[in-house]
PDB file of N, CA and C in Angstrom:
ATOM      1  N   MET A   1       1.035  -1.375   0.028  1.00  0.00           N
ATOM      2  CA  MET A   1      -0.059   0.022  -0.162  1.00  0.00           C
ATOM      3  C   MET A   1       0.955   1.366   0.053  1.00  0.00           C
ATOM      4  N   LYS A   2       2.034   1.032   0.909  1.00  0.00           N
ATOM      5  CA  LYS A   2       3.095   2.406   0.709  1.00  0.00           C
ATOM      6  C   LYS A   2       3.382   2.630  -0.550  1.00  0.00           C
ATOM      7  N   LYS A   3       3.698   1.401  -1.286  1.00  0.00           N
ATOM      8  CA  LYS A   3       4.418   1.823  -2.828  1.00  0.00           C
ATOM      9  C   LYS A   3       3.223   2.409  -3.644  1.00  0.00           C
ATOM     10  N   TYR A   4       1.913   1.758  -3.736  1.00  0.00           N
ATOM     11  CA  TYR A   4       0.876   2.759  -4.010  1.00  0.00           C
ATOM     12  C   TYR A   4       0.923   4.267  -3.698  1.00  0.00           C
ATOM     13  N   SER A   5       1.015   4.570  -2.423  1.00  0.00           N
ATOM     14  CA  SER A   5       0.827   5.865  -1.882  1.00  0.00           C
ATOM     15  C   SER A   5       1.827   6.660  -2.353  1.00  0.00           C
ATOM     16  N   ARG A   6       3.180   6.336  -2.420  1.00  0.00           N
ATOM     17  CA  ARG A   6       4.411   7.184  -2.995  1.00  0.00           C
ATOM     18  C   ARG A   6       3.943   7.714  -4.402  1.00  0.00           C
ATOM     19  N   PHE A   7       3.922   6.364  -5.320  1.00  0.00           N
ATOM     20  CA  PHE A   7       3.624   6.696  -6.566  1.00  0.00           C
ATOM     21  C   PHE A   7       2.348   7.468  -7.052  1.00  0.00           C
ATOM     22  N   LEU A   8       1.639   7.474  -6.170  1.00  0.00           N
ATOM     23  CA  LEU A   8       0.404   8.610  -6.805  1.00  0.00           C
ATOM     24  C   LEU A   8       0.792   9.920  -6.306  1.00  0.00           C
ATOM     25  N   VAL A   9       1.650   9.862  -5.085  1.00  0.00           N
ATOM     26  CA  VAL A   9       1.705  11.321  -4.832  1.00  0.00           C
ATOM     27  C   VAL A   9       2.961  11.789  -6.009  1.00  0.00           C
ATOM     28  N   ILE A  10       3.838  10.885  -6.853  1.00  0.00           N
ATOM     29  CA  ILE A  10       4.930  11.102  -7.333  1.00  0.00           C
ATOM     30  C   ILE A  10       4.194  11.960  -8.395  1.00  0.00           C
ATOM     31  N   LEU A  11       3.139  10.758  -8.786  1.00  0.00           N
ATOM     32  CA  LEU A  11       2.423  11.543 -10.365  1.00  0.00           C
ATOM     33  C   LEU A  11       1.989  12.453  -9.953  1.00  0.00           C
ATOM     34  N   PHE A  12       1.023  12.839  -8.689  1.00  0.00           N
ATOM     35  CA  PHE A  12       0.365  13.912  -8.707  1.00  0.00           C
ATOM     36  C   PHE A  12       1.344  15.383  -8.912  1.00  0.00           C
ATOM     37  N   LEU A  13       2.280  15.091  -8.166  1.00  0.00           N
ATOM     38  CA  LEU A  13       3.714  16.198  -8.458  1.00  0.00           C
ATOM     39  C   LEU A  13       4.388  16.473  -9.763  1.00  0.00           C
ATOM     40  N   LEU A  14       3.937  15.427 -10.409  1.00  0.00           N
ATOM     41  CA  LEU A  14       4.749  15.588 -12.064  1.00  0.00           C
ATOM     42  C   LEU A  14       3.968  16.150 -12.640  1.00  0.00           C
ATOM     43  N   ILE A  15       2.297  15.843 -12.362  1.00  0.00           N
ATOM     44  CA  ILE A  15       1.234  15.823 -13.224  1.00  0.00           C
ATOM     45  C   ILE A  15       1.256  17.829 -12.999  1.00  0.00           C
ATOM     46  N   SER A  16       1.105  18.195 -11.406  1.00  0.00           N
ATOM     47  CA  SER A  16       0.495  19.724 -11.188  1.00  0.00           C
ATOM     48  C   SER A  16       1.800  20.877 -11.562  1.00  0.00           C
ATOM     49  N   SER A  17       2.911  20.513 -11.463  1.00  0.00           N
ATOM     50  CA  SER A  17       4.079  20.924 -12.294  1.00  0.00           C
ATOM     51  C   SER A  17       3.784  21.428 -13.515  1.00  0.00           C
ATOM     52  N   ASN A  18       3.538  20.516 -14.134  1.00  0.00           N
ATOM     53  CA  ASN A  18       2.928  20.618 -15.732  1.00  0.00           C
ATOM     54  C   ASN A  18       1.713  21.456 -16.213  1.00  0.00           C
ATOM     55  N   ALA A  19       1.033  21.344 -14.967  1.00  0.00           N
ATOM     56  CA  ALA A  19      -0.575  22.111 -15.426  1.00  0.00           C
ATOM     57  C   ALA A  19      -0.424  23.437 -15.417  1.00  0.00           C
ATOM     58  N   TYR A  20       0.582  23.793 -14.337  1.00  0.00           N
ATOM     59  CA  TYR A  20       0.730  25.586 -14.169  1.00  0.00           C
ATOM     60  C   TYR A  20       1.592  25.648 -15.225  1.00  0.00           C
ATOM     61  N   ALA A  21       2.139  25.239 -16.043  1.00  0.00           N
ATOM     62  CA  ALA A  21       3.318  25.884 -16.700  1.00  0.00           C
ATOM     63  C   ALA A  21       2.273  26.532 -17.992  1.00  0.00           C
ATOM     64  N   GLU A  22       3.261  27.708 -18.122  1.00  0.00           N
ATOM     65  CA  GLU A  22       2.217  28.663 -19.268  1.00  0.00           C
ATOM     66  C   GLU A  22       3.122  28.773 -20.858  1.00  0.00           C
ATOM     67  N   LYS A  23       2.593  28.587 -21.923  1.00  0.00           N
ATOM     68  CA  LYS A  23       3.526  28.552 -23.108  1.00  0.00           C
ATOM     69  C   LYS A  23       2.843  29.823 -23.491  1.00  0.00           C
ATOM     70  N   GLY A  24       3.857  30.121 -24.372  1.00  0.00           N
ATOM     71  CA  GLY A  24       3.170  31.889 -25.432  1.00  0.00           C
ATOM     72  C   GLY A  24       4.287  32.243 -26.179  1.00  0.00           C
ATOM     73  N   TYR A  25       4.049  33.096 -26.787  1.00  0.00           N
ATOM     74  CA  TYR A  25       4.914  33.695 -27.848  1.00  0.00           C
ATOM     75  C   TYR A  25       4.996  35.174 -27.159  1.00  0.00           C
ATOM     76  N   VAL A  26       6.013  35.722 -27.494  1.00  0.00           N
ATOM     77  CA  VAL A  26       6.536  37.083 -27.324  1.00  0.00           C
ATOM     78  C   VAL A  26       7.256  37.632 -28.787  1.00  0.00           C
ATOM     79  N   LYS A  27       7.591  38.952 -29.037  1.00  0.00           N
ATOM     80  CA  LYS A  27       8.256  39.891 -29.763  1.00  0.00           C
ATOM     81  C   LYS A  27       9.049  40.737 -29.782  1.00  0.00           C
ATOM     82  N   GLY A  28      10.024  41.094 -29.938  1.00  0.00           N
ATOM     83  CA  GLY A  28      10.538  42.421 -29.920  1.00  0.00           C
ATOM     84  C   GLY A  28      12.029  42.324 -30.465  1.00  0.00           C
ATOM     85  N   THR A  29      12.675  43.659 -30.597  1.00  0.00           N
ATOM     86  CA  THR A  29      13.885  43.553 -30.926  1.00  0.00           C
ATOM     87  C   THR A  29      15.135  43.178 -29.900  1.00  0.00           C
ATOM     88  N   VAL A  30      16.116  42.495 -30.486  1.00  0.00           N
ATOM     89  CA  VAL A  30      17.032  42.274 -29.698  1.00  0.00           C
ATOM     90  C   VAL A  30      17.744  43.295 -28.598  1.00  0.00           C
ATOM     91  N   GLU A  31      17.819  42.949 -27.576  1.00  0.00           N
ATOM     92  CA  GLU A  31      18.293  44.022 -26.868  1.00  0.00           C
ATOM     93  C   GLU A  31      19.666  43.436 -26.160  1.00  0.00           C
ATOM     94  N   PHE A  32      20.447  42.452 -25.835  1.00  0.00           N
ATOM     95  CA  PHE A  32      21.510  42.027 -25.449  1.00  0.00           C
ATOM     96  C   PHE A  32      21.543  40.396 -26.379  1.00  0.00           C
ATOM     97  N   ILE A  33      22.887  39.850 -26.394  1.00  0.00           N
ATOM     98  CA  ILE A  33      23.219  38.570 -26.677  1.00  0.00           C
ATOM     99  C   ILE A  33      24.635  37.851 -25.900  1.00  0.00           C
ATOM    100  N   ARG A  34      24.211  37.348 -25.348  1.00  0.00           N
ATOM    101  CA  ARG A  34      25.949  36.653 -24.733  1.00  0.00           C
ATOM    102  C   ARG A  34      26.259  35.590 -25.131  1.00  0.00           C
ATOM    103  N   VAL A  35      27.719  35.246 -25.104  1.00  0.00           N
ATOM    104  CA  VAL A  35      27.955  33.685 -25.365  1.00  0.00           C
ATOM    105  C   VAL A  35      29.366  33.687 -24.713  1.00  0.00           C
ATOM    106  N   HIS A  36      29.306  32.659 -24.070  1.00  0.00           N
ATOM    107  CA  HIS A  36      30.616  32.327 -22.966  1.00  0.00           C
ATOM    108  C   HIS A  36      31.846  31.291 -24.022  1.00  0.00           C
ATOM    109  N   ASP A  37      33.211  31.548 -23.618  1.00  0.00           N
ATOM    110  CA  ASP A  37      34.054  30.804 -24.001  1.00  0.00           C
ATOM    111  C   ASP A  37      33.731  29.474 -23.564  1.00  0.00           C
ATOM    112  N   ASP A  38      34.745  28.789 -24.587  1.00  0.00           N
ATOM    113  CA  ASP A  38      34.506  27.196 -24.817  1.00  0.00           C
ATOM    114  C   ASP A  38      35.473  26.711 -23.504  1.00  0.00           C
ATOM    115  N   TYR A  39      34.878  26.688 -22.014  1.00  0.00           N
ATOM    116  CA  TYR A  39      35.848  25.896 -21.448  1.00  0.00           C
ATOM    117  C   TYR A  39      34.618  24.546 -20.647  1.00  0.00           C
ATOM    118  N   SER A  40      35.538  23.676 -20.538  1.00  0.00           N
ATOM    119  CA  SER A  40      35.014  22.832 -19.912  1.00  0.00           C
ATOM    120  C   SER A  40      33.914  22.649 -19.098  1.00  0.00           C
ATOM    121  N   GLY A  41      33.190  22.313 -18.916  1.00  0.00           N
ATOM    122  CA  GLY A  41      31.748  21.761 -17.446  1.00  0.00           C
ATOM    123  C   GLY A  41      31.506  22.834 -17.105  1.00  0.00           C
ATOM    124  N   HIS A  42      30.881  23.887 -17.803  1.00  0.00           N
ATOM    125  CA  HIS A  42      30.486  25.288 -17.962  1.00  0.00           C
ATOM    126  C   HIS A  42      28.940  24.792 -18.519  1.00  0.00           C
ATOM    127  N   GLN A  43      27.750  25.101 -17.867  1.00  0.00           N
ATOM    128  CA  GLN A  43      26.672  25.124 -18.613  1.00  0.00           C
ATOM    129  C   GLN A  43      26.001  26.030 -19.806  1.00  0.00           C
ATOM    130  N   TRP A  44      26.514  26.982 -19.526  1.00  0.00           N
ATOM    131  CA  TRP A  44      26.689  28.016 -20.828  1.00  0.00           C
ATOM    132  C   TRP A  44      27.966  27.778 -22.381  1.00  0.00           C
ATOM    133  N   LYS A  45      28.637  26.725 -22.184  1.00  0.00           N
ATOM    134  CA  LYS A  45      29.050  26.255 -23.191  1.00  0.00           C
ATOM    135  C   LYS A  45      28.811  25.891 -24.222  1.00  0.00           C
ATOM    136  N   PRO A  46      29.381  27.024 -25.890  1.00  0.00           N
ATOM    137  CA  PRO A  46      28.542  27.111 -26.808  1.00  0.00           C
ATOM    138  C   PRO A  46      28.308  25.483 -27.728  1.00  0.00           C
ATOM    139  N   PRO A  47      27.455  25.526 -27.999  1.00  0.00           N
ATOM    140  CA  PRO A  47      26.360  26.614 -28.878  1.00  0.00           C
ATOM    141  C   PRO A  47      25.319  27.601 -28.027  1.00  0.00           C
ATOM    142  N   VAL A  48      25.278  26.942 -26.772  1.00  0.00           N
ATOM    143  CA  VAL A  48      24.350  27.782 -25.797  1.00  0.00           C
ATOM    144  C   VAL A  48      24.641  28.986 -25.578  1.00  0.00           C
ATOM    145  N   PHE A  49      23.637  30.080 -25.667  1.00  0.00           N
ATOM    146  CA  PHE A  49      23.851  31.455 -25.456  1.00  0.00           C
ATOM    147  C   PHE A  49      22.483  31.940 -24.627  1.00  0.00           C
ATOM    148  N   TRP A  50      22.314  33.156 -24.396  1.00  0.00           N
ATOM    149  CA  TRP A  50      21.440  33.607 -24.317  1.00  0.00           C
ATOM    150  C   TRP A  50      21.175  35.638 -24.444  1.00  0.00           C
ATOM    151  N   PHE A  51      20.055  35.819 -24.707  1.00  0.00           N
ATOM    152  CA  PHE A  51      19.510  36.841 -25.096  1.00  0.00           C
ATOM    153  C   PHE A  51      18.085  37.259 -24.539  1.00  0.00           C
ATOM    154  N   THR A  52      18.181  38.634 -24.899  1.00  0.00           N
ATOM    155  CA  THR A  52      16.840  39.418 -24.272  1.00  0.00           C
ATOM    156  C   THR A  52      16.443  39.888 -25.353  1.00  0.00           C
ATOM    157  N   LEU A  53      14.866  40.399 -25.067  1.00  0.00           N
ATOM    158  CA  LEU A  53      14.091  41.160 -26.275  1.00  0.00           C
ATOM    159  C   LEU A  53      14.206  42.622 -25.619  1.00  0.00           C
ATOM    160  N   ASN A  54      14.290  43.624 -26.320  1.00  0.00           N
ATOM    161  CA  ASN A  54      13.436  44.795 -25.669  1.00  0.00           C
ATOM    162  C   ASN A  54      11.919  45.124 -25.425  1.00  0.00           C
ATOM    163  N   GLY A  55      11.934  45.480 -24.455  1.00  0.00           N
ATOM    164  CA  GLY A  55      10.452  45.204 -24.183  1.00  0.00           C
ATOM    165  C   GLY A  55       9.655  44.378 -23.303  1.00  0.00           C
ATOM    166  N   VAL A  56      10.029  43.077 -23.605  1.00  0.00           N
ATOM    167  CA  VAL A  56       9.769  42.096 -23.123  1.00  0.00           C
ATOM    168  C   VAL A  56       9.694  41.765 -21.491  1.00  0.00           C
ATOM    169  N   THR A  57       9.138  41.858 -20.966  1.00  0.00           N
ATOM    170  CA  THR A  57       9.275  42.221 -19.475  1.00  0.00           C
ATOM    171  C   THR A  57       8.326  40.896 -18.559  1.00  0.00           C
ATOM    172  N   SER A  58       7.410  40.530 -19.673  1.00  0.00           N
ATOM    173  CA  SER A  58       7.142  39.279 -19.292  1.00  0.00           C
ATOM    174  C   SER A  58       6.554  37.884 -20.039  1.00  0.00           C
ATOM    175  N   ALA A  59       7.053  36.455 -19.626  1.00  0.00           N
ATOM    176  CA  ALA A  59       6.761  36.079 -20.512  1.00  0.00           C
ATOM    177  C   ALA A  59       6.585  34.379 -19.609  1.00  0.00           C
ATOM    178  N   GLY A  60       5.036  34.290 -19.062  1.00  0.00           N
ATOM    179  CA  GLY A  60       5.229  32.944 -17.976  1.00  0.00           C
ATOM    180  C   GLY A  60       5.516  33.283 -16.324  1.00  0.00           C
ATOM    181  N   ASN A  61       6.210  32.285 -16.144  1.00  0.00           N
ATOM    182  CA  ASN A  61       7.669  32.572 -14.982  1.00  0.00           C
ATOM    183  C   ASN A  61       8.811  32.351 -15.476  1.00  0.00           C
ATOM    184  N   CYS A  62       9.004  32.964 -16.664  1.00  0.00           N
ATOM    185  CA  CYS A  62      10.783  32.972 -17.459  1.00  0.00           C
ATOM    186  C   CYS A  62      11.069  34.032 -16.365  1.00  0.00           C
ATOM    187  N   PRO A  63      12.029  33.534 -15.927  1.00  0.00           N
ATOM    188  CA  PRO A  63      12.986  34.644 -14.924  1.00  0.00           C
ATOM    189  C   PRO A  63      13.308  35.730 -15.817  1.00  0.00           C
ATOM    190  N   LYS A  64      14.278  36.940 -15.382  1.00  0.00           N
ATOM    191  CA  LYS A  64      14.075  37.956 -16.008  1.00  0.00           C
ATOM    192  C   LYS A  64      15.594  38.341 -15.911  1.00  0.00           C
ATOM    193  N   TRP A  65      16.434  38.975 -16.733  1.00  0.00           N
ATOM    194  CA  TRP A  65      18.031  39.361 -16.907  1.00  0.00           C
ATOM    195  C   TRP A  65      18.050  40.844 -15.855  1.00  0.00           C
ATOM    196  N   ARG A  66      18.782  40.902 -14.313  1.00  0.00           N
ATOM    197  CA  ARG A  66      18.854  42.087 -13.775  1.00  0.00           C
ATOM    198  C   ARG A  66      17.485  42.870 -13.634  1.00  0.00           C
ATOM    199  N   ASN A  67      16.491  41.988 -13.465  1.00  0.00           N
ATOM    200  CA  ASN A  67      14.984  42.514 -13.219  1.00  0.00           C
ATOM    201  C   ASN A  67      14.461  43.237 -14.282  1.00  0.00           C
ATOM    202  N   GLN A  68      15.192  43.396 -15.659  1.00  0.00           N
ATOM    203  CA  GLN A  68      14.339  43.920 -15.910  1.00  0.00           C
ATOM    204  C   GLN A  68      13.414  42.989 -17.529  1.00  0.00           C
ATOM    205  N   ASN A  69      14.205  42.890 -18.546  1.00  0.00           N
ATOM    206  CA  ASN A  69      13.253  42.192 -19.473  1.00  0.00           C
ATOM    207  C   ASN A  69      13.627  40.610 -19.565  1.00  0.00           C
ATOM    208  N   VAL A  70      13.020  39.733 -20.187  1.00  0.00           N
ATOM    209  CA  VAL A  70      13.163  38.363 -19.491  1.00  0.00           C
ATOM    210  C   VAL A  70      14.576  37.697 -20.370  1.00  0.00           C
ATOM    211  N   LEU A  71      15.236  36.740 -19.896  1.00  0.00           N
ATOM    212  CA  LEU A  71      16.237  36.163 -20.439  1.00  0.00           C
ATOM    213  C   LEU A  71      15.557  34.870 -21.160  1.00  0.00           C
ATOM    214  N   PHE A  72      15.949  34.458 -22.580  1.00  0.00           N
ATOM    215  CA  PHE A  72      15.262  33.537 -23.236  1.00  0.00           C
ATOM    216  C   PHE A  72      16.803  32.806 -23.546  1.00  0.00           C
ATOM    217  N   VAL A  73      17.278  31.439 -23.571  1.00  0.00           N
ATOM    218  CA  VAL A  73      18.288  30.584 -23.694  1.00  0.00           C
ATOM    219  C   VAL A  73      17.931  30.094 -25.126  1.00  0.00           C
ATOM    220  N   GLY A  74      19.159  29.963 -26.022  1.00  0.00           N
ATOM    221  CA  GLY A  74      19.002  29.392 -27.358  1.00  0.00           C
ATOM    222  C   GLY A  74      20.297  27.848 -27.415  1.00  0.00           C
ATOM    223  N   THR A  75      19.908  27.376 -28.054  1.00  0.00           N
ATOM    224  CA  THR A  75      21.056  26.026 -28.091  1.00  0.00           C
ATOM    225  C   THR A  75      21.462  25.152 -29.086  1.00  0.00           C
ATOM    226  N   SER A  76      21.633  26.557 -30.135  1.00  0.00           N
ATOM    227  CA  SER A  76      22.141  26.039 -31.373  1.00  0.00           C
ATOM    228  C   SER A  76      22.365  27.109 -31.829  1.00  0.00           C
ATOM    229  N   ASP A  77      23.807  26.521 -33.129  1.00  0.00           N
ATOM    230  CA  ASP A  77      24.483  27.696 -33.697  1.00  0.00           C
ATOM    231  C   ASP A  77      23.373  28.012 -34.831  1.00  0.00           C
ATOM    232  N   PHE A  78      22.041  27.468 -35.567  1.00  0.00           N
ATOM    233  CA  PHE A  78      21.277  28.301 -36.385  1.00  0.00           C
ATOM    234  C   PHE A  78      20.379  29.097 -35.407  1.00  0.00           C
ATOM    235  N   ALA A  79      19.938  28.958 -34.180  1.00  0.00           N
ATOM    236  CA  ALA A  79      19.603  30.108 -33.315  1.00  0.00           C
ATOM    237  C   ALA A  79      20.214  31.258 -33.360  1.00  0.00           C
ATOM    238  N   TYR A  80      21.600  31.340 -32.813  1.00  0.00           N
ATOM    239  CA  TYR A  80      22.356  31.807 -32.703  1.00  0.00           C
ATOM    240  C   TYR A  80      22.586  33.067 -33.914  1.00  0.00           C
ATOM    241  N   SER A  81      22.379  32.235 -35.090  1.00  0.00           N
ATOM    242  CA  SER A  81      23.068  32.981 -36.146  1.00  0.00           C
ATOM    243  C   SER A  81      21.671  33.837 -36.252  1.00  0.00           C
ATOM    244  N   MET A  82      20.729  33.107 -36.418  1.00  0.00           N
ATOM    245  CA  MET A  82      19.440  34.284 -36.602  1.00  0.00           C
ATOM    246  C   MET A  82      19.177  35.444 -35.148  1.00  0.00           C
ATOM    247  N   VAL A  83      19.363  35.301 -34.521  1.00  0.00           N
ATOM    248  CA  VAL A  83      19.288  35.997 -33.374  1.00  0.00           C
ATOM    249  C   VAL A  83      20.311  37.237 -33.786  1.00  0.00           C
ATOM    250  N   LEU A  84      21.455  36.705 -34.164  1.00  0.00           N
ATOM    251  CA  LEU A  84      22.685  37.930 -34.400  1.00  0.00           C
ATOM    252  C   LEU A  84      21.972  38.413 -35.658  1.00  0.00           C
ATOM    253  N   ALA A  85      21.894  37.663 -36.724  1.00  0.00           N
ATOM    254  CA  ALA A  85      21.269  39.028 -37.733  1.00  0.00           C
ATOM    255  C   ALA A  85      20.211  39.701 -37.397  1.00  0.00           C
ATOM    256  N   THR A  86      19.311  39.444 -36.707  1.00  0.00           N
ATOM    257  CA  THR A  86      18.338  40.532 -36.797  1.00  0.00           C
ATOM    258  C   THR A  86      18.390  41.397 -35.852  1.00  0.00           C
ATOM    259  N   TYR A  87      19.593  41.070 -34.726  1.00  0.00           N
ATOM    260  CA  TYR A  87      19.845  41.966 -33.818  1.00  0.00           C
ATOM    261  C   TYR A  87      20.838  43.138 -34.803  1.00  0.00           C
ATOM    262  N   SER A  88      21.443  42.713 -35.580  1.00  0.00           N
ATOM    263  CA  SER A  88      22.490  43.670 -36.945  1.00  0.00           C
ATOM    264  C   SER A  88      21.562  44.337 -37.361  1.00  0.00           C
ATOM    265  N   SER A  89      20.311  43.869 -38.097  1.00  0.00           N
ATOM    266  CA  SER A  89      19.301  44.535 -38.509  1.00  0.00           C
ATOM    267  C   SER A  89      18.651  45.191 -38.128  1.00  0.00           C
ATOM    268  N   GLY A  90      18.128  45.068 -36.763  1.00  0.00           N
ATOM    269  CA  GLY A  90      17.378  46.100 -35.987  1.00  0.00           C
ATOM    270  C   GLY A  90      15.957  45.816 -36.310  1.00  0.00           C
ATOM    271  N   LYS A  91      15.700  44.767 -36.984  1.00  0.00           N
ATOM    272  CA  LYS A  91      14.373  44.026 -36.925  1.00  0.00           C
ATOM    273  C   LYS A  91      13.596  43.079 -35.746  1.00  0.00           C
ATOM    274  N   GLU A  92      12.368  42.974 -35.763  1.00  0.00           N
ATOM    275  CA  GLU A  92      12.110  42.364 -34.690  1.00  0.00           C
ATOM    276  C   GLU A  92      12.135  40.462 -34.975  1.00  0.00           C
ATOM    277  N   ILE A  93      12.041  40.037 -34.080  1.00  0.00           N
ATOM    278  CA  ILE A  93      12.089  38.744 -34.075  1.00  0.00           C
ATOM    279  C   ILE A  93      10.838  38.053 -32.835  1.00  0.00           C
ATOM    280  N   ALA A  94      10.523  36.900 -32.854  1.00  0.00           N
ATOM    281  CA  ALA A  94       9.211  36.180 -32.522  1.00  0.00           C
ATOM    282  C   ALA A  94       9.608  34.817 -31.927  1.00  0.00           C
ATOM    283  N   LEU A  95       9.226  34.340 -30.734  1.00  0.00           N
ATOM    284  CA  LEU A  95       9.887  33.313 -30.289  1.00  0.00           C
ATOM    285  C   LEU A  95       8.566  32.376 -29.816  1.00  0.00           C
ATOM    286  N   SER A  96       8.239  31.114 -29.126  1.00  0.00           N
ATOM    287  CA  SER A  96       7.977  30.411 -28.519  1.00  0.00           C
ATOM    288  C   SER A  96       8.354  30.248 -27.190  1.00  0.00           C
ATOM    289  N   PHE A  97       7.737  30.228 -26.262  1.00  0.00           N
ATOM    290  CA  PHE A  97       8.370  30.073 -25.116  1.00  0.00           C
ATOM    291  C   PHE A  97       6.868  28.967 -24.194  1.00  0.00           C
ATOM    292  N   ASP A  98       7.900  28.095 -23.438  1.00  0.00           N
ATOM    293  CA  ASP A  98       7.277  27.326 -22.760  1.00  0.00           C
ATOM    294  C   ASP A  98       7.826  26.980 -20.885  1.00  0.00           C
ATOM    295  N   ASP A  99       7.196  27.814 -20.310  1.00  0.00           N
ATOM    296  CA  ASP A  99       8.002  28.326 -19.246  1.00  0.00           C
ATOM    297  C   ASP A  99       8.445  26.890 -18.082  1.00  0.00           C
ATOM    298  N   SER A 100       7.921  25.707 -18.415  1.00  0.00           N
ATOM    299  CA  SER A 100       8.489  24.519 -17.827  1.00  0.00           C
ATOM    300  C   SER A 100       9.745  24.107 -18.498  1.00  0.00           C
ATOM    301  N   ILE A 101      10.152  24.756 -19.450  1.00  0.00           N
ATOM    302  CA  ILE A 101      11.272  23.953 -20.303  1.00  0.00           C
ATOM    303  C   ILE A 101      12.322  25.161 -19.986  1.00  0.00           C
ATOM    304  N   LYS A 102      13.523  24.914 -19.103  1.00  0.00           N
ATOM    305  CA  LYS A 102      14.267  25.288 -18.824  1.00  0.00           C
ATOM    306  C   LYS A 102      15.374  25.271 -18.686  1.00  0.00           C
ATOM    307  N   ASN A 103      16.891  25.744 -18.569  1.00  0.00           N
ATOM    308  CA  ASN A 103      17.792  25.383 -18.547  1.00  0.00           C
ATOM    309  C   ASN A 103      18.380  25.046 -17.293  1.00  0.00           C
ATOM    310  N   ALA A 104      19.717  24.628 -16.898  1.00  0.00           N
ATOM    311  CA  ALA A 104      20.397  24.418 -15.465  1.00  0.00           C
ATOM    312  C   ALA A 104      20.232  25.408 -14.641  1.00  0.00           C
ATOM    313  N   SER A 105      20.363  26.862 -14.928  1.00  0.00           N
ATOM    314  CA  SER A 105      20.558  27.794 -14.405  1.00  0.00           C
ATOM    315  C   SER A 105      18.796  28.637 -14.030  1.00  0.00           C
ATOM    316  N   ASN A 106      17.776  27.664 -14.803  1.00  0.00           N
ATOM    317  CA  ASN A 106      16.098  27.956 -14.368  1.00  0.00           C
ATOM    318  C   ASN A 106      15.900  29.027 -15.280  1.00  0.00           C
ATOM    319  N   PHE A 107      16.448  29.208 -16.544  1.00  0.00           N
ATOM    320  CA  PHE A 107      16.056  30.252 -17.515  1.00  0.00           C
ATOM    321  C   PHE A 107      15.336  29.820 -18.824  1.00  0.00           C
ATOM    322  N   CYS A 108      14.458  30.071 -19.031  1.00  0.00           N
ATOM    323  CA  CYS A 108      13.389  29.542 -20.131  1.00  0.00           C
ATOM    324  C   CYS A 108      14.055  29.755 -21.564  1.00  0.00           C
ATOM    325  N   ILE A 109      13.925  28.019 -22.058  1.00  0.00           N
ATOM    326  CA  ILE A 109      14.751  27.840 -23.824  1.00  0.00           C
ATOM    327  C   ILE A 109      14.098  28.213 -24.521  1.00  0.00           C
ATOM    328  N   ALA A 110      14.321  28.799 -25.658  1.00  0.00           N
ATOM    329  CA  ALA A 110      13.389  29.584 -26.615  1.00  0.00           C
ATOM    330  C   ALA A 110      12.545  28.261 -27.501  1.00  0.00           C
ATOM    331  N   LYS A 111      11.568  27.970 -27.735  1.00  0.00           N
ATOM    332  CA  LYS A 111      11.353  27.050 -28.357  1.00  0.00           C
ATOM    333  C   LYS A 111      11.438  26.760 -30.091  1.00  0.00           C
ATOM    334  N   TYR A 112      11.007  28.349 -30.422  1.00  0.00           N
ATOM    335  CA  TYR A 112      11.648  28.338 -31.759  1.00  0.00           C
ATOM    336  C   TYR A 112      11.330  29.706 -31.884  1.00  0.00           C
ATOM    337  N   ILE A 113      12.257  30.328 -32.886  1.00  0.00           N
ATOM    338  CA  ILE A 113      12.460  31.699 -33.016  1.00  0.00           C
ATOM    339  C   ILE A 113      12.016  31.867 -34.844  1.00  0.00           C
ATOM    340  N   THR A 114      11.538  32.817 -34.987  1.00  0.00           N
ATOM    341  CA  THR A 114      10.881  33.326 -36.088  1.00  0.00           C
ATOM    342  C   THR A 114      11.355  34.794 -36.348  1.00  0.00           C
ATOM    343  N   ALA A 115      11.579  35.083 -37.543  1.00  0.00           N
ATOM    344  CA  ALA A 115      12.115  36.645 -38.441  1.00  0.00           C
ATOM    345  C   ALA A 115      11.128  36.814 -39.149  1.00  0.00           C
ATOM    346  N   GLY A 116      10.755  37.984 -39.195  1.00  0.00           N
ATOM    347  CA  GLY A 116      10.201  38.833 -40.359  1.00  0.00           C
ATOM    348  C   GLY A 116       9.780  39.923 -40.440  1.00  0.00           C
ATOM    349  N   ASP A 117       8.780  40.430 -41.312  1.00  0.00           N
ATOM    350  CA  ASP A 117       8.513  41.735 -41.226  1.00  0.00           C
ATOM    351  C   ASP A 117       7.186  42.223 -41.196  1.00  0.00           C
ATOM    352  N   PRO A 118       6.596  42.123 -40.362  1.00  0.00           N
ATOM    353  CA  PRO A 118       6.915  41.859 -38.801  1.00  0.00           C
ATOM    354  C   PRO A 118       6.815  40.249 -38.671  1.00  0.00           C
ATOM    355  N   PRO A 119       7.498  39.632 -37.788  1.00  0.00           N
ATOM    356  CA  PRO A 119       7.263  38.332 -37.522  1.00  0.00           C
ATOM    357  C   PRO A 119       5.986  37.985 -36.890  1.00  0.00           C
ATOM    358  N   PRO A 120       5.207  36.439 -37.679  1.00  0.00           N
ATOM    359  CA  PRO A 120       4.267  36.280 -36.572  1.00  0.00           C
ATOM    360  C   PRO A 120       4.607  35.751 -35.288  1.00  0.00           C
ATOM    361  N   LEU A 121       3.476  36.043 -34.126  1.00  0.00           N
ATOM    362  CA  LEU A 121       3.334  35.454 -33.287  1.00  0.00           C
ATOM    363  C   LEU A 121       3.161  33.908 -33.322  1.00  0.00           C
ATOM    364  N   ASN A 122       2.846  33.492 -34.583  1.00  0.00           N
ATOM    365  CA  ASN A 122       2.647  31.798 -34.424  1.00  0.00           C
ATOM    366  C   ASN A 122       2.916  30.709 -35.064  1.00  0.00           C
TER     367      ASN A 122
END
């Protein structure tokens, strides 16, 4: 009986944590982009990078950088190229987020990034 009780408690915790996850779309011009050196053992080892969008002050429960704009994590060279190109052009990008999908530092990972003039939100 104890095994079933433990199983049910664990199952409830797993289900309830995802039940409150918020998914959505945001867009803006790129404010900051940061990459780190390629030294071993670091969670920000390339191709992982982070970026913020001007004016995006909330995205579910995704944390902010320096309590200003939401910090999003990119995990591929392709995403980095797109973010860097839109930063250079001054154009907006849109991204999809799910605040239950985070990196080891608890920042939200951008699910997908869209460029356009203007970029669509979905």
